[in-house]
Amino acid sequence: MCHTRQNLCFKGSRCINHYYDISCDCFGTKYEGEHCDIYTATVLTLRGSSYVSYRIYDWKDRIHSSVTRISMMFKTNYDDSALFYASGESLKPQYIAASVKNHSAYIEMDFGDGVMTAVLGQDLTKHYWHNLTIFHDRNQVTAILDDHLKIMEIPGEVHNLLFDPEIYFGGGPNLSKRKGLASNNNFVGSLKYVFYNDISVLFELKKGNPKVHYIGVLEEEFTESEVNVIPITFSYAKSHIWWPMSNVHTLDLKFDFKSSKATAVLAYSEVKTSEGLGFWEIRLATDRLSFELCPDVTSNITHSTYIRIDNPTSWHAIHLTYEHNEIKFVVDFRHEVTQLYGLSFNVGDKLIIGSSLKAAASGLVGCLRDLKINGVEIEPRFLVKSERVVGDVSLDNCKYVDPCKKPNTCEHGGKCSVKDDGIQCECKDTGYVGKNCHFTKFRKTCEELALLGYSKSDVYSIDIDGNGVFPPARVKCDFQSLANATKTIVEHNLPSQVDVRSYKDEDFSFHIQYREFSAAMLQELISHSLYCTQYIKYDCIKAPLELHSATWFKSSSNNNTVDSLGEVKRGTCPCALKDSCEGSKHSCSCDANVNRWVSDEGYFKEPPNLGITQMYFLQQKEMLDEESQGRITLGPLECVETNTQKYVVTFTTSQSFIEVPGWRKGDIAFSFRTTGEKAILLFQPPIRSNYPSFMVALTGDYQLTFNFTLNTGTPKTLVIDTNRKLNGGEWHKIWIDYNEHHVRFMINTDTRMVDLQPEEEFGPFEGSMFIGGAPTEISKKYTVKQGLIGCFRGLVVNGEILDIYSFMSVHLSEIIKDCKPSCVPNPCKNGAYCRELWSTFECVCKNRWAHL
């Protein structure tokens, strides 16, 4: 295909033939884009608290690689930074790691049989662009930095790479645990032309490719910015840093700070004097900064030195030295020297920055930068990940001093307040629950209500995007007008048969407000429905419709202009399709301008035309008289929901199961029915020991157990006891969703939530997922070993319905499509009880002799 006209790759780039398609490799050019025809570079600036991940494949698609290329250009002022990391353990423990260390590029890799290293370049931290490429070609690896090159032969027998799916640029999670990295710090500076093989990672990130993610509290910064300083943010008054002090006789402390309040304690240390145990503090008090020394806490004596300042909430520089019984206190380069006149003290073994142990609640809420202790520059990236941090101390470029302004602190309109050393969210009246008001109280669709047993057509509150940005809203759920489907109806404020045209009227327009639905919410509903319709009708007597010129509408889809009545040509009505309009020359009956009531009507069905939000009517004075009248009727938006339960299977033996692509992250839902006592319902085993995994199992007549392993390797068990019998042969619906604070498990109308600690993370999961059971070699390690005998349906992962039929390649004789209980209707005679076996049945006779 690369030698055909389908090859649109720009000159200088390389065409890659995938046989079903082609792509263009822009590596080595200064171009980007699908065809390498955009003369630009996507630049991303990182500030030490963020990084980029790229998912190179889904677990089921993993393949060995004999040729791999990793490349990037970087520019930085900072040493000791991670540039790239990828690893895997499927063949042997393997990794490739690249760092900036001692102002050189340090590259380390292991294909499983021995470590290879390369140290290239020097003076890499002077804020010039440098080009790093690591090229693996079968049994050889070439590392290139600018004009420096090193070729390495791969030792041993393994020359292929099989990385885990996620690889990282500019840092990554848990860097201290990554073998081969010379630095545990995220990168600070700018990146461009970042490639993994032929994929331009930053270009894909900016384009919104779901395989590429920017992880960090700050927003992506797609510009080249020089980063000269990394400020440290203290979000709460009790937050602080402690630093060990080895020399008790001298002290040299320098830092800049910016406070959000007019008063704060900036630094503190205990001291030992001839008079007893005391302490010193550096304090901000409105118009002055002071150094205060209390030689003995049992006395009221304090030695104080202060320097006046102009603005307490702007940046100020502090330099404090203690040597030879003399205090030198410098603020914004203004000096103040204090003689202690014979009084000396020994500095305590800990220096506290940002607060005071005497009055923790009066600590700094603000930012600090350029921290230097006894001549040693303190690396902020190392500091915030160390045990020397107490409370919330972060690197956010001093943007979120107020923790309530951090993204997703309190979601969905929850009210945020700062309490001591944390925040609280008030979720009352939001329709959401959880620590940060993330989890909706309502079901996403009318179909979910139907699955819970609702059958009366009425008005209900639903949340169309679940835990997403849209609020709950009331809709009418129609459970009865369609077989095997539910209908969601959204009403609006326009009455039927509104007068819109007459001789006396002026030109006007309507803004149509749907009940609790914005235009974006209408589009969300339309997008995830099977189909939607909206009825429209124009009644007239001597009042032409004149679509496009005198009558038109706008829809909820980006104010799309609609100038037809239904899905017909622009400017026409449905009667024109059958030549049934009044007057053979007209495209709408009302345009015949006859002296009797006629009408035009139709249905909008295409998404761009649905959800009419504006109507415009011009008065054609030259065509109207005193008898002229036109009336408009717009029906509600009616959407038929996608049947999430259409893929249904019956497992007839406890050894059968279906293997499907794994649940990685997001939310998941499914339904089951059984008469068995215990069974594995859904299971995703760990790809390695202590990796994230989960299992949902029936463990009793009224009990489900949810076992999962967190990213820390910590196993957790959630036991859910319900009022409804779970093995009585009825359908039961399960939902699982989560965020950084909780995991929520719902079975029918029962809800349980598990709290997560700050260091704990639920998922992401890797590997395959098993429905209705698991291979014996995997399940034998668990308490529940047997599979489901019964029915399973409606597996929905992140809103996508999984076609489980397409994965029924094994156990075909033991798994049946559809779910038809053998005991419905009861085939047993003489009042016998029918025991459901989900492909056959057993009759339990009231009188055991009756069948003879």
Foldseek 3Di string as FASTA:
>chain_A
DCPDPLQLADPPWDWDCPVVHIFTFLPPHCADDRRSPHNHKFKWFDQFFKWKKFFQDAQVPFDWAQKKKWKKKWFAQDAQAWFKKWWDPPPHTWIWTWGGHQQWIWIWIALHPDIDIDTDDHNRNPGDIKMWMWIGHHQKIWTDIHPDIDIDGHDDDGNIDTTHRMMIGQADPPQVPGPPYPHNIGHGFMMIQTDIVRDRQSVCVVVPPPRMDMDGLEDIDRDGDHDDWFKKFDQALLKWFKDFDDFFAKKKKKKKWFFPDQKAWFKKFWKAWPVGIWMWTFMGHRFKTKIWTDNYPVDPDIDMDIDGHDGRGDMKIWIWIGHPQKIWIAINNRIDIDHPVPIGITTHRMMIGFAYPVCSRRGGLFIMIQIAIPNRGDDPSVRQPDPRIDADMDGDVRPPSNVVPGPLQAAQPWDWDDDHRGIATHCPPRQADDRRRQFHLFAQDVVLVVLLPDADFAKDWHNNQTSDRAGIFIWTWHRPPDPLWIKTWWAKDDDFFAWDEALPDAWDKDFIGIGSDALVNVLSQCVQFPWKKKKKKKKKALFAQQFPPFKWFFASQVRDIAGEAAPDDHRAAPCQVVCNACDSVDRHNVNVSHHDIDMTMYMHIDSRPPHTGMITGHYPNVRHDRSIIMTMGMGTMMTIHDNLFQWKKFFLFQQDKFKDRDQFAFKKKKKWEAQDAKAWAKWDDAPDQLDWIWTWMRHGQQKIKIWIHWRVSDIDIDIDGHPDGRHPGDMKMWMWHDDQFWIWIDISSDIDIDGDDNVTDHGRGGDIMMGFADHQVPQVVDPGHTGGRGMMGRIAHNSRRDNSVVRPPPPVVRMGTDFDWQVVPHPDPDPWDWATSRVHIDTHDPDVPVVD
